[in-house]
Amino acid sequence: REFIAAFKWPGGNILYADSVKGRFTMSRESADNTVYLQMNNLK
């Protein structure tokens, strides 16, 4: 199992694995209690 991205609260900065940095973006949408992972330029 491979790490991709994570954040900690309190704190809030997002940690990314080097393999996905610049391509994947993690975000949180508090309005619908959902965490997202946007994956661009998939390989």
PDB file of all heavy atoms in Angstrom:
ATOM      1  N   ARG A   1       0.844  -1.180   0.000  1.00  0.00           N
ATOM      2  CA  ARG A   1       0.000   0.000   0.000  1.00  0.00           C
ATOM      3  C   ARG A   1       0.890   1.245   0.000  1.00  0.00           C
ATOM      4  O   ARG A   1       1.796   1.381   0.817  1.00  0.00           O
ATOM      5  CB  ARG A   1      -0.925  -0.009   1.206  1.00  0.00           C
ATOM      6  CG  ARG A   1      -2.023   1.030   1.142  1.00  0.00           C
ATOM      7  CD  ARG A   1      -3.148   0.696   2.120  1.00  0.00           C
ATOM      8  NE  ARG A   1      -3.793  -0.557   1.779  1.00  0.00           N
ATOM      9  CZ  ARG A   1      -4.840  -1.062   2.424  1.00  0.00           C
ATOM     10  NH1 ARG A   1      -5.362  -0.397   3.454  1.00  0.00           N
ATOM     11  NH2 ARG A   1      -5.357  -2.214   2.051  1.00  0.00           N
ATOM     12  N   GLU A   2       0.599   2.150  -0.913  1.00  0.00           N
ATOM     13  CA  GLU A   2       1.448   3.297  -1.164  1.00  0.00           C
ATOM     14  C   GLU A   2       0.769   4.594  -0.741  1.00  0.00           C
ATOM     15  O   GLU A   2      -0.391   4.844  -1.077  1.00  0.00           O
ATOM     16  CB  GLU A   2       1.806   3.357  -2.654  1.00  0.00           C
ATOM     17  CG  GLU A   2       2.662   4.551  -3.051  1.00  0.00           C
ATOM     18  CD  GLU A   2       2.842   4.662  -4.548  1.00  0.00           C
ATOM     19  OE1 GLU A   2       2.159   3.915  -5.291  1.00  0.00           O
ATOM     20  OE2 GLU A   2       3.665   5.486  -4.988  1.00  0.00           O
ATOM     21  N   PHE A   3       1.504   5.411  -0.044  1.00  0.00           N
ATOM     22  CA  PHE A   3       1.001   6.717   0.361  1.00  0.00           C
ATOM     23  C   PHE A   3       0.877   7.647  -0.833  1.00  0.00           C
ATOM     24  O   PHE A   3       1.742   7.672  -1.708  1.00  0.00           O
ATOM     25  CB  PHE A   3       1.948   7.330   1.394  1.00  0.00           C
ATOM     26  CG  PHE A   3       1.684   8.773   1.672  1.00  0.00           C
ATOM     27  CD1 PHE A   3       0.595   9.168   2.435  1.00  0.00           C
ATOM     28  CD2 PHE A   3       2.526   9.748   1.169  1.00  0.00           C
ATOM     29  CE1 PHE A   3       0.351  10.504   2.693  1.00  0.00           C
ATOM     30  CE2 PHE A   3       2.293  11.086   1.424  1.00  0.00           C
ATOM     31  CZ  PHE A   3       1.200  11.454   2.185  1.00  0.00           C
ATOM     32  N   ILE A   4      -0.198   8.431  -0.854  1.00  0.00           N
ATOM     33  CA  ILE A   4      -0.413   9.410  -1.915  1.00  0.00           C
ATOM     34  C   ILE A   4      -0.402  10.831  -1.358  1.00  0.00           C
ATOM     35  O   ILE A   4       0.399  11.663  -1.773  1.00  0.00           O
ATOM     36  CB  ILE A   4      -1.744   9.163  -2.645  1.00  0.00           C
ATOM     37  CG1 ILE A   4      -1.743   7.781  -3.296  1.00  0.00           C
ATOM     38  CG2 ILE A   4      -1.974  10.255  -3.700  1.00  0.00           C
ATOM     39  CD1 ILE A   4      -3.078   7.398  -3.876  1.00  0.00           C
ATOM     40  N   ALA A   5      -1.304  11.102  -0.433  1.00  0.00           N
ATOM     41  CA  ALA A   5      -1.439  12.446   0.109  1.00  0.00           C
ATOM     42  C   ALA A   5      -2.191  12.388   1.426  1.00  0.00           C
ATOM     43  O   ALA A   5      -2.973  11.462   1.667  1.00  0.00           O
ATOM     44  CB  ALA A   5      -2.175  13.366  -0.870  1.00  0.00           C
ATOM     45  N   ALA A   6      -1.978  13.375   2.278  1.00  0.00           N
ATOM     46  CA  ALA A   6      -2.677  13.428   3.555  1.00  0.00           C
ATOM     47  C   ALA A   6      -2.581  14.825   4.145  1.00  0.00           C
ATOM     48  O   ALA A   6      -1.678  15.596   3.811  1.00  0.00           O
ATOM     49  CB  ALA A   6      -2.105  12.409   4.539  1.00  0.00           C
ATOM     50  N   PHE A   7      -3.512  15.121   5.029  1.00  0.00           N
ATOM     51  CA  PHE A   7      -3.417  16.335   5.822  1.00  0.00           C
ATOM     52  C   PHE A   7      -3.836  16.038   7.245  1.00  0.00           C
ATOM     53  O   PHE A   7      -4.538  15.062   7.524  1.00  0.00           O
ATOM     54  CB  PHE A   7      -4.254  17.483   5.239  1.00  0.00           C
ATOM     55  CG  PHE A   7      -5.744  17.313   5.392  1.00  0.00           C
ATOM     56  CD1 PHE A   7      -6.393  17.759   6.543  1.00  0.00           C
ATOM     57  CD2 PHE A   7      -6.493  16.730   4.396  1.00  0.00           C
ATOM     58  CE1 PHE A   7      -7.769  17.614   6.682  1.00  0.00           C
ATOM     59  CE2 PHE A   7      -7.866  16.584   4.525  1.00  0.00           C
ATOM     60  CZ  PHE A   7      -8.496  17.025   5.670  1.00  0.00           C
ATOM     61  N   LYS A   8      -3.389  16.882   8.137  1.00  0.00           N
ATOM     62  CA  LYS A   8      -3.682  16.756   9.557  1.00  0.00           C
ATOM     63  C   LYS A   8      -4.344  18.029  10.049  1.00  0.00           C
ATOM     64  O   LYS A   8      -3.965  19.129   9.635  1.00  0.00           O
ATOM     65  CB  LYS A   8      -2.377  16.496  10.329  1.00  0.00           C
ATOM     66  CG  LYS A   8      -2.518  16.340  11.829  1.00  0.00           C
ATOM     67  CD  LYS A   8      -1.167  16.010  12.443  1.00  0.00           C
ATOM     68  CE  LYS A   8      -1.258  15.820  13.949  1.00  0.00           C
ATOM     69  NZ  LYS A   8      -1.560  17.092  14.643  1.00  0.00           N
ATOM     70  N   TRP A   9      -5.339  17.859  10.916  1.00  0.00           N
ATOM     71  CA  TRP A   9      -6.018  19.005  11.494  1.00  0.00           C
ATOM     72  C   TRP A   9      -6.066  18.873  12.994  1.00  0.00           C
ATOM     73  O   TRP A   9      -6.481  17.826  13.511  1.00  0.00           O
ATOM     74  CB  TRP A   9      -7.436  19.140  10.933  1.00  0.00           C
ATOM     75  CG  TRP A   9      -8.014  20.461  11.244  1.00  0.00           C
ATOM     76  CD1 TRP A   9      -8.822  20.778  12.295  1.00  0.00           C
ATOM     77  CD2 TRP A   9      -7.819  21.671  10.522  1.00  0.00           C
ATOM     78  NE1 TRP A   9      -9.141  22.108  12.261  1.00  0.00           N
ATOM     79  CE2 TRP A   9      -8.532  22.683  11.175  1.00  0.00           C
ATOM     80  CE3 TRP A   9      -7.099  21.990   9.372  1.00  0.00           C
ATOM     81  CZ2 TRP A   9      -8.544  23.992  10.723  1.00  0.00           C
ATOM     82  CZ3 TRP A   9      -7.114  23.291   8.926  1.00  0.00           C
ATOM     83  CH2 TRP A   9      -7.834  24.267   9.601  1.00  0.00           C
ATOM     84  N   PRO A  10      -5.665  19.891  13.746  1.00  0.00           N
ATOM     85  CA  PRO A  10      -5.172  21.184  13.264  1.00  0.00           C
ATOM     86  C   PRO A  10      -3.807  21.084  12.602  1.00  0.00           C
ATOM     87  O   PRO A  10      -3.057  20.143  12.816  1.00  0.00           O
ATOM     88  CB  PRO A  10      -5.113  22.012  14.542  1.00  0.00           C
ATOM     89  CG  PRO A  10      -4.866  21.005  15.617  1.00  0.00           C
ATOM     90  CD  PRO A  10      -5.664  19.796  15.212  1.00  0.00           C
ATOM     91  N   GLY A  11      -3.545  22.048  11.791  1.00  0.00           N
ATOM     92  CA  GLY A  11      -2.360  22.092  10.957  1.00  0.00           C
ATOM     93  C   GLY A  11      -2.799  22.495   9.570  1.00  0.00           C
ATOM     94  O   GLY A  11      -2.812  23.683   9.244  1.00  0.00           O
ATOM     95  N   GLY A  12      -3.201  21.509   8.774  1.00  0.00           N
ATOM     96  CA  GLY A  12      -3.854  21.785   7.513  1.00  0.00           C
ATOM     97  C   GLY A  12      -2.999  21.718   6.263  1.00  0.00           C
ATOM     98  O   GLY A  12      -3.546  21.659   5.165  1.00  0.00           O
ATOM     99  N   ASN A  13      -1.682  21.723   6.409  1.00  0.00           N
ATOM    100  CA  ASN A  13      -0.863  21.600   5.211  1.00  0.00           C
ATOM    101  C   ASN A  13      -0.939  20.178   4.682  1.00  0.00           C
ATOM    102  O   ASN A  13      -1.060  19.220   5.443  1.00  0.00           O
ATOM    103  CB  ASN A  13       0.582  22.013   5.482  1.00  0.00           C
ATOM    104  CG  ASN A  13       1.258  21.113   6.479  1.00  0.00           C
ATOM    105  OD1 ASN A  13       0.794  20.951   7.607  1.00  0.00           O
ATOM    106  ND2 ASN A  13       2.381  20.525   6.076  1.00  0.00           N
ATOM    107  N   ILE A  14      -0.873  20.037   3.369  1.00  0.00           N
ATOM    108  CA  ILE A  14      -1.035  18.747   2.717  1.00  0.00           C
ATOM    109  C   ILE A  14       0.317  18.178   2.340  1.00  0.00           C
ATOM    110  O   ILE A  14       1.147  18.857   1.731  1.00  0.00           O
ATOM    111  CB  ILE A  14      -1.923  18.863   1.473  1.00  0.00           C
ATOM    112  CG1 ILE A  14      -3.281  19.456   1.857  1.00  0.00           C
ATOM    113  CG2 ILE A  14      -2.110  17.503   0.821  1.00  0.00           C
ATOM    114  CD1 ILE A  14      -4.164  19.770   0.671  1.00  0.00           C
ATOM    115  N   LEU A  15       0.523  16.920   2.683  1.00  0.00           N
ATOM    116  CA  LEU A  15       1.734  16.200   2.327  1.00  0.00           C
ATOM    117  C   LEU A  15       1.454  15.326   1.114  1.00  0.00           C
ATOM    118  O   LEU A  15       0.471  14.590   1.092  1.00  0.00           O
ATOM    119  CB  LEU A  15       2.193  15.343   3.508  1.00  0.00           C
ATOM    120  CG  LEU A  15       3.411  14.450   3.290  1.00  0.00           C
ATOM    121  CD1 LEU A  15       4.664  15.301   3.118  1.00  0.00           C
ATOM    122  CD2 LEU A  15       3.576  13.482   4.454  1.00  0.00           C
ATOM    123  N   TYR A  16       2.317  15.397   0.107  1.00  0.00           N
ATOM    124  CA  TYR A  16       2.160  14.605  -1.108  1.00  0.00           C
ATOM    125  C   TYR A  16       3.361  13.697  -1.321  1.00  0.00           C
ATOM    126  O   TYR A  16       4.496  14.077  -1.027  1.00  0.00           O
ATOM    127  CB  TYR A  16       2.028  15.496  -2.342  1.00  0.00           C
ATOM    128  CG  TYR A  16       0.757  16.298  -2.415  1.00  0.00           C
ATOM    129  CD1 TYR A  16       0.719  17.624  -1.999  1.00  0.00           C
ATOM    130  CD2 TYR A  16      -0.402  15.727  -2.920  1.00  0.00           C
ATOM    131  CE1 TYR A  16      -0.442  18.363  -2.075  1.00  0.00           C
ATOM    132  CE2 TYR A  16      -1.576  16.461  -3.000  1.00  0.00           C
ATOM    133  CZ  TYR A  16      -1.590  17.781  -2.577  1.00  0.00           C
ATOM    134  OH  TYR A  16      -2.751  18.512  -2.655  1.00  0.00           O
ATOM    135  N   ALA A  17       3.084  12.525  -1.857  1.00  0.00           N
ATOM    136  CA  ALA A  17       4.168  11.659  -2.293  1.00  0.00           C
ATOM    137  C   ALA A  17       4.834  12.257  -3.526  1.00  0.00           C
ATOM    138  O   ALA A  17       4.178  12.888  -4.358  1.00  0.00           O
ATOM    139  CB  ALA A  17       3.643  10.266  -2.608  1.00  0.00           C
ATOM    140  N   ASP A  18       6.133  12.051  -3.646  1.00  0.00           N
ATOM    141  CA  ASP A  18       6.860  12.597  -4.790  1.00  0.00           C
ATOM    142  C   ASP A  18       6.307  12.087  -6.116  1.00  0.00           C
ATOM    143  O   ASP A  18       6.335  12.806  -7.121  1.00  0.00           O
ATOM    144  CB  ASP A  18       8.341  12.251  -4.690  1.00  0.00           C
ATOM    145  CG  ASP A  18       9.054  13.024  -3.596  1.00  0.00           C
ATOM    146  OD1 ASP A  18       8.526  14.063  -3.150  1.00  0.00           O
ATOM    147  OD2 ASP A  18      10.147  12.594  -3.187  1.00  0.00           O
ATOM    148  N   SER A  19       5.787  10.875  -6.131  1.00  0.00           N
ATOM    149  CA  SER A  19       5.309  10.282  -7.364  1.00  0.00           C
ATOM    150  C   SER A  19       4.078  10.967  -7.942  1.00  0.00           C
ATOM    151  O   SER A  19       3.793  10.825  -9.131  1.00  0.00           O
ATOM    152  CB  SER A  19       5.008   8.791  -7.147  1.00  0.00           C
ATOM    153  OG  SER A  19       4.019   8.619  -6.151  1.00  0.00           O
ATOM    154  N   VAL A  20       3.350  11.708  -7.110  1.00  0.00           N
ATOM    155  CA  VAL A  20       2.128  12.358  -7.572  1.00  0.00           C
ATOM    156  C   VAL A  20       2.175  13.872  -7.439  1.00  0.00           C
ATOM    157  O   VAL A  20       1.249  14.557  -7.895  1.00  0.00           O
ATOM    158  CB  VAL A  20       0.886  11.823  -6.836  1.00  0.00           C
ATOM    159  CG1 VAL A  20       0.796  10.312  -6.972  1.00  0.00           C
ATOM    160  CG2 VAL A  20       0.910  12.229  -5.363  1.00  0.00           C
ATOM    161  N   LYS A  21       3.203  14.397  -6.837  1.00  0.00           N
ATOM    162  CA  LYS A  21       3.306  15.832  -6.621  1.00  0.00           C
ATOM    163  C   LYS A  21       3.259  16.575  -7.957  1.00  0.00           C
ATOM    164  O   LYS A  21       3.963  16.225  -8.899  1.00  0.00           O
ATOM    165  CB  LYS A  21       4.590  16.154  -5.869  1.00  0.00           C
ATOM    166  CG  LYS A  21       4.661  17.559  -5.308  1.00  0.00           C
ATOM    167  CD  LYS A  21       5.916  17.733  -4.450  1.00  0.00           C
ATOM    168  CE  LYS A  21       5.915  16.794  -3.258  1.00  0.00           C
ATOM    169  NZ  LYS A  21       7.123  16.975  -2.406  1.00  0.00           N
ATOM    170  N   GLY A  22       2.408  17.584  -8.014  1.00  0.00           N
ATOM    171  CA  GLY A  22       2.239  18.344  -9.239  1.00  0.00           C
ATOM    172  C   GLY A  22       1.165  17.803 -10.152  1.00  0.00           C
ATOM    173  O   GLY A  22       0.743  18.497 -11.091  1.00  0.00           O
ATOM    174  N   ARG A  23       0.714  16.575  -9.922  1.00  0.00           N
ATOM    175  CA  ARG A  23      -0.348  15.977 -10.728  1.00  0.00           C
ATOM    176  C   ARG A  23      -1.632  15.759  -9.932  1.00  0.00           C
ATOM    177  O   ARG A  23      -2.727  15.907 -10.473  1.00  0.00           O
ATOM    178  CB  ARG A  23       0.100  14.629 -11.303  1.00  0.00           C
ATOM    179  CG  ARG A  23       1.279  14.720 -12.262  1.00  0.00           C
ATOM    180  CD  ARG A  23       1.496  13.380 -12.965  1.00  0.00           C
ATOM    181  NE  ARG A  23       1.815  12.314 -12.013  1.00  0.00           N
ATOM    182  CZ  ARG A  23       1.122  11.180 -11.889  1.00  0.00           C
ATOM    183  NH1 ARG A  23       0.066  10.958 -12.663  1.00  0.00           N
ATOM    184  NH2 ARG A  23       1.500  10.258 -11.011  1.00  0.00           N
ATOM    185  N   PHE A  24      -1.491  15.388  -8.673  1.00  0.00           N
ATOM    186  CA  PHE A  24      -2.648  15.101  -7.824  1.00  0.00           C
ATOM    187  C   PHE A  24      -2.835  16.232  -6.819  1.00  0.00           C
ATOM    188  O   PHE A  24      -1.857  16.790  -6.304  1.00  0.00           O
ATOM    189  CB  PHE A  24      -2.457  13.797  -7.051  1.00  0.00           C
ATOM    190  CG  PHE A  24      -2.490  12.546  -7.881  1.00  0.00           C
ATOM    191  CD1 PHE A  24      -2.465  12.578  -9.269  1.00  0.00           C
ATOM    192  CD2 PHE A  24      -2.546  11.304  -7.252  1.00  0.00           C
ATOM    193  CE1 PHE A  24      -2.491  11.419 -10.023  1.00  0.00           C
ATOM    194  CE2 PHE A  24      -2.572  10.132  -7.989  1.00  0.00           C
ATOM    195  CZ  PHE A  24      -2.546  10.191  -9.376  1.00  0.00           C
ATOM    196  N   THR A  25      -4.086  16.540  -6.517  1.00  0.00           N
ATOM    197  CA  THR A  25      -4.404  17.563  -5.540  1.00  0.00           C
ATOM    198  C   THR A  25      -5.479  17.049  -4.594  1.00  0.00           C
ATOM    199  O   THR A  25      -6.551  16.623  -5.034  1.00  0.00           O
ATOM    200  CB  THR A  25      -4.898  18.853  -6.215  1.00  0.00           C
ATOM    201  OG1 THR A  25      -3.906  19.333  -7.125  1.00  0.00           O
ATOM    202  CG2 THR A  25      -5.166  19.925  -5.164  1.00  0.00           C
ATOM    203  N   MET A  26      -5.192  17.098  -3.310  1.00  0.00           N
ATOM    204  CA  MET A  26      -6.152  16.703  -2.297  1.00  0.00           C
ATOM    205  C   MET A  26      -6.862  17.942  -1.780  1.00  0.00           C
ATOM    206  O   MET A  26      -6.238  18.983  -1.579  1.00  0.00           O
ATOM    207  CB  MET A  26      -5.439  15.984  -1.151  1.00  0.00           C
ATOM    208  CG  MET A  26      -6.353  15.436  -0.080  1.00  0.00           C
ATOM    209  SD  MET A  26      -5.402  14.559   1.204  1.00  0.00           S
ATOM    210  CE  MET A  26      -6.738  13.928   2.226  1.00  0.00           C
ATOM    211  N   SER A  27      -8.158  17.836  -1.552  1.00  0.00           N
ATOM    212  CA  SER A  27      -8.917  18.962  -1.053  1.00  0.00           C
ATOM    213  C   SER A  27     -10.048  18.472  -0.161  1.00  0.00           C
ATOM    214  O   SER A  27     -10.423  17.296  -0.186  1.00  0.00           O
ATOM    215  CB  SER A  27      -9.469  19.812  -2.196  1.00  0.00           C
ATOM    216  OG  SER A  27     -10.357  19.066  -3.007  1.00  0.00           O
ATOM    217  N   ARG A  28     -10.576  19.390   0.611  1.00  0.00           N
ATOM    218  CA  ARG A  28     -11.672  19.094   1.519  1.00  0.00           C
ATOM    219  C   ARG A  28     -12.829  20.025   1.221  1.00  0.00           C
ATOM    220  O   ARG A  28     -12.638  21.231   1.075  1.00  0.00           O
ATOM    221  CB  ARG A  28     -11.207  19.257   2.966  1.00  0.00           C
ATOM    222  CG  ARG A  28     -12.326  19.319   3.996  1.00  0.00           C
ATOM    223  CD  ARG A  28     -11.787  19.713   5.355  1.00  0.00           C
ATOM    224  NE  ARG A  28     -12.829  20.209   6.233  1.00  0.00           N
ATOM    225  CZ  ARG A  28     -12.622  20.716   7.435  1.00  0.00           C
ATOM    226  NH1 ARG A  28     -11.389  20.788   7.909  1.00  0.00           N
ATOM    227  NH2 ARG A  28     -13.644  21.148   8.166  1.00  0.00           N
ATOM    228  N   GLU A  29     -14.024  19.468   1.137  1.00  0.00           N
ATOM    229  CA  GLU A  29     -15.224  20.253   0.942  1.00  0.00           C
ATOM    230  C   GLU A  29     -16.087  20.089   2.182  1.00  0.00           C
ATOM    231  O   GLU A  29     -16.767  19.079   2.349  1.00  0.00           O
ATOM    232  CB  GLU A  29     -15.978  19.809  -0.304  1.00  0.00           C
ATOM    233  CG  GLU A  29     -17.291  20.543  -0.524  1.00  0.00           C
ATOM    234  CD  GLU A  29     -17.099  22.039  -0.524  1.00  0.00           C
ATOM    235  OE1 GLU A  29     -16.439  22.558  -1.458  1.00  0.00           O
ATOM    236  OE2 GLU A  29     -17.597  22.701   0.403  1.00  0.00           O
ATOM    237  N   SER A  30     -16.045  21.075   3.042  1.00  0.00           N
ATOM    238  CA  SER A  30     -16.770  20.976   4.301  1.00  0.00           C
ATOM    239  C   SER A  30     -18.281  21.011   4.114  1.00  0.00           C
ATOM    240  O   SER A  30     -19.016  20.485   4.943  1.00  0.00           O
ATOM    241  CB  SER A  30     -16.336  22.091   5.252  1.00  0.00           C
ATOM    242  OG  SER A  30     -16.573  23.364   4.691  1.00  0.00           O
ATOM    243  N   ALA A  31     -18.745  21.616   3.027  1.00  0.00           N
ATOM    244  CA  ALA A  31     -20.182  21.732   2.799  1.00  0.00           C
ATOM    245  C   ALA A  31     -20.859  20.375   2.659  1.00  0.00           C
ATOM    246  O   ALA A  31     -22.008  20.205   3.068  1.00  0.00           O
ATOM    247  CB  ALA A  31     -20.456  22.592   1.574  1.00  0.00           C
ATOM    248  N   ASP A  32     -20.170  19.410   2.068  1.00  0.00           N
ATOM    249  CA  ASP A  32     -20.764  18.077   1.896  1.00  0.00           C
ATOM    250  C   ASP A  32     -19.970  16.988   2.610  1.00  0.00           C
ATOM    251  O   ASP A  32     -20.162  15.805   2.341  1.00  0.00           O
ATOM    252  CB  ASP A  32     -20.931  17.735   0.418  1.00  0.00           C
ATOM    253  CG  ASP A  32     -19.628  17.744  -0.355  1.00  0.00           C
ATOM    254  OD1 ASP A  32     -18.567  17.979   0.254  1.00  0.00           O
ATOM    255  OD2 ASP A  32     -19.673  17.520  -1.579  1.00  0.00           O
ATOM    256  N   ASN A  33     -19.085  17.395   3.512  1.00  0.00           N
ATOM    257  CA  ASN A  33     -18.316  16.451   4.324  1.00  0.00           C
ATOM    258  C   ASN A  33     -17.566  15.436   3.473  1.00  0.00           C
ATOM    259  O   ASN A  33     -17.564  14.231   3.768  1.00  0.00           O
ATOM    260  CB  ASN A  33     -19.233  15.735   5.321  1.00  0.00           C
ATOM    261  CG  ASN A  33     -19.917  16.685   6.270  1.00  0.00           C
ATOM    262  OD1 ASN A  33     -19.343  17.690   6.679  1.00  0.00           O
ATOM    263  ND2 ASN A  33     -21.156  16.366   6.640  1.00  0.00           N
ATOM    264  N   THR A  34     -16.922  15.938   2.442  1.00  0.00           N
ATOM    265  CA  THR A  34     -16.252  15.077   1.488  1.00  0.00           C
ATOM    266  C   THR A  34     -14.815  15.533   1.257  1.00  0.00           C
ATOM    267  O   THR A  34     -14.538  16.728   1.182  1.00  0.00           O
ATOM    268  CB  THR A  34     -17.011  15.066   0.147  1.00  0.00           C
ATOM    269  OG1 THR A  34     -18.359  14.639   0.370  1.00  0.00           O
ATOM    270  CG2 THR A  34     -16.356  14.128  -0.841  1.00  0.00           C
ATOM    271  N   VAL A  35     -13.931  14.569   1.147  1.00  0.00           N
ATOM    272  CA  VAL A  35     -12.543  14.810   0.784  1.00  0.00           C
ATOM    273  C   VAL A  35     -12.339  14.316  -0.642  1.00  0.00           C
ATOM    274  O   VAL A  35     -12.818  13.241  -1.008  1.00  0.00           O
ATOM    275  CB  VAL A  35     -11.584  14.101   1.752  1.00  0.00           C
ATOM    276  CG1 VAL A  35     -10.142  14.265   1.298  1.00  0.00           C
ATOM    277  CG2 VAL A  35     -11.758  14.645   3.164  1.00  0.00           C
ATOM    278  N   TYR A  36     -11.613  15.092  -1.447  1.00  0.00           N
ATOM    279  CA  TYR A  36     -11.431  14.773  -2.854  1.00  0.00           C
ATOM    280  C   TYR A  36      -9.965  14.557  -3.192  1.00  0.00           C
ATOM    281  O   TYR A  36      -9.062  15.065  -2.524  1.00  0.00           O
ATOM    282  CB  TYR A  36     -11.970  15.905  -3.732  1.00  0.00           C
ATOM    283  CG  TYR A  36     -13.451  16.142  -3.597  1.00  0.00           C
ATOM    284  CD1 TYR A  36     -13.937  17.101  -2.726  1.00  0.00           C
ATOM    285  CD2 TYR A  36     -14.357  15.400  -4.344  1.00  0.00           C
ATOM    286  CE1 TYR A  36     -15.298  17.322  -2.598  1.00  0.00           C
ATOM    287  CE2 TYR A  36     -15.713  15.610  -4.222  1.00  0.00           C
ATOM    288  CZ  TYR A  36     -16.181  16.574  -3.353  1.00  0.00           C
ATOM    289  OH  TYR A  36     -17.532  16.782  -3.233  1.00  0.00           O
ATOM    290  N   LEU A  37      -9.760  13.814  -4.254  1.00  0.00           N
ATOM    291  CA  LEU A  37      -8.444  13.687  -4.848  1.00  0.00           C
ATOM    292  C   LEU A  37      -8.589  13.914  -6.345  1.00  0.00           C
ATOM    293  O   LEU A  37      -9.168  13.085  -7.049  1.00  0.00           O
ATOM    294  CB  LEU A  37      -7.831  12.314  -4.573  1.00  0.00           C
ATOM    295  CG  LEU A  37      -6.397  12.130  -5.068  1.00  0.00           C
ATOM    296  CD1 LEU A  37      -5.432  13.001  -4.259  1.00  0.00           C
ATOM    297  CD2 LEU A  37      -5.975  10.663  -4.979  1.00  0.00           C
ATOM    298  N   GLN A  38      -8.100  15.052  -6.806  1.00  0.00           N
ATOM    299  CA  GLN A  38      -8.087  15.366  -8.228  1.00  0.00           C
ATOM    300  C   GLN A  38      -6.814  14.803  -8.826  1.00  0.00           C
ATOM    301  O   GLN A  38      -5.714  15.143  -8.379  1.00  0.00           O
ATOM    302  CB  GLN A  38      -8.155  16.877  -8.443  1.00  0.00           C
ATOM    303  CG  GLN A  38      -8.059  17.309  -9.896  1.00  0.00           C
ATOM    304  CD  GLN A  38      -9.274  16.919 -10.700  1.00  0.00           C
ATOM    305  OE1 GLN A  38     -10.398  17.063 -10.224  1.00  0.00           O
ATOM    306  NE2 GLN A  38      -9.058  16.421 -11.900  1.00  0.00           N
ATOM    307  N   MET A  39      -6.955  13.956  -9.831  1.00  0.00           N
ATOM    308  CA  MET A  39      -5.823  13.280 -10.440  1.00  0.00           C
ATOM    309  C   MET A  39      -5.728  13.705 -11.897  1.00  0.00           C
ATOM    310  O   MET A  39      -6.610  13.400 -12.695  1.00  0.00           O
ATOM    311  CB  MET A  39      -5.974  11.760 -10.329  1.00  0.00           C
ATOM    312  CG  MET A  39      -6.118  11.268  -8.896  1.00  0.00           C
ATOM    313  SD  MET A  39      -6.268   9.460  -8.776  1.00  0.00           S
ATOM    314  CE  MET A  39      -7.916   9.247  -9.446  1.00  0.00           C
ATOM    315  N   ASN A  40      -4.666  14.418 -12.227  1.00  0.00           N
ATOM    316  CA  ASN A  40      -4.441  14.894 -13.581  1.00  0.00           C
ATOM    317  C   ASN A  40      -3.261  14.178 -14.217  1.00  0.00           C
ATOM    318  O   ASN A  40      -2.384  13.662 -13.528  1.00  0.00           O
ATOM    319  CB  ASN A  40      -4.182  16.399 -13.572  1.00  0.00           C
ATOM    320  CG  ASN A  40      -5.357  17.203 -13.085  1.00  0.00           C
ATOM    321  OD1 ASN A  40      -6.513  16.812 -13.272  1.00  0.00           O
ATOM    322  ND2 ASN A  40      -5.074  18.342 -12.456  1.00  0.00           N
ATOM    323  N   ASN A  41      -3.249  14.186 -15.541  1.00  0.00           N
ATOM    324  CA  ASN A  41      -2.162  13.568 -16.295  1.00  0.00           C
ATOM    325  C   ASN A  41      -1.873  12.158 -15.796  1.00  0.00           C
ATOM    326  O   ASN A  41      -0.737  11.805 -15.476  1.00  0.00           O
ATOM    327  CB  ASN A  41      -0.911  14.440 -16.219  1.00  0.00           C
ATOM    328  CG  ASN A  41       0.169  14.007 -17.183  1.00  0.00           C
ATOM    329  OD1 ASN A  41      -0.112  13.391 -18.214  1.00  0.00           O
ATOM    330  ND2 ASN A  41       1.413  14.313 -16.857  1.00  0.00           N
ATOM    331  N   LEU A  42      -2.905  11.354 -15.746  1.00  0.00           N
ATOM    332  CA  LEU A  42      -2.762  10.000 -15.229  1.00  0.00           C
ATOM    333  C   LEU A  42      -1.856   9.152 -16.106  1.00  0.00           C
ATOM    334  O   LEU A  42      -1.825   9.305 -17.327  1.00  0.00           O
ATOM    335  CB  LEU A  42      -4.131   9.344 -15.098  1.00  0.00           C
ATOM    336  CG  LEU A  42      -4.943   9.833 -13.893  1.00  0.00           C
ATOM    337  CD1 LEU A  42      -6.414   9.511 -14.072  1.00  0.00           C
ATOM    338  CD2 LEU A  42      -4.405   9.204 -12.609  1.00  0.00           C
ATOM    339  N   LYS A  43      -1.133   8.256 -15.456  1.00  0.00           N
ATOM    340  CA  LYS A  43      -0.194   7.372 -16.113  1.00  0.00           C
ATOM    341  C   LYS A  43      -0.581   5.929 -15.836  1.00  0.00           C
ATOM    342  O   LYS A  43      -1.232   5.639 -14.834  1.00  0.00           O
ATOM    343  CB  LYS A  43       1.225   7.630 -15.600  1.00  0.00           C
ATOM    344  CG  LYS A  43       1.693   9.069 -15.745  1.00  0.00           C
ATOM    345  CD  LYS A  43       3.054   9.270 -15.094  1.00  0.00           C
ATOM    346  CE  LYS A  43       3.519  10.700 -15.232  1.00  0.00           C
ATOM    347  NZ  LYS A  43       4.845  10.910 -14.589  1.00  0.00           N
TER     348      LYS A  43
END
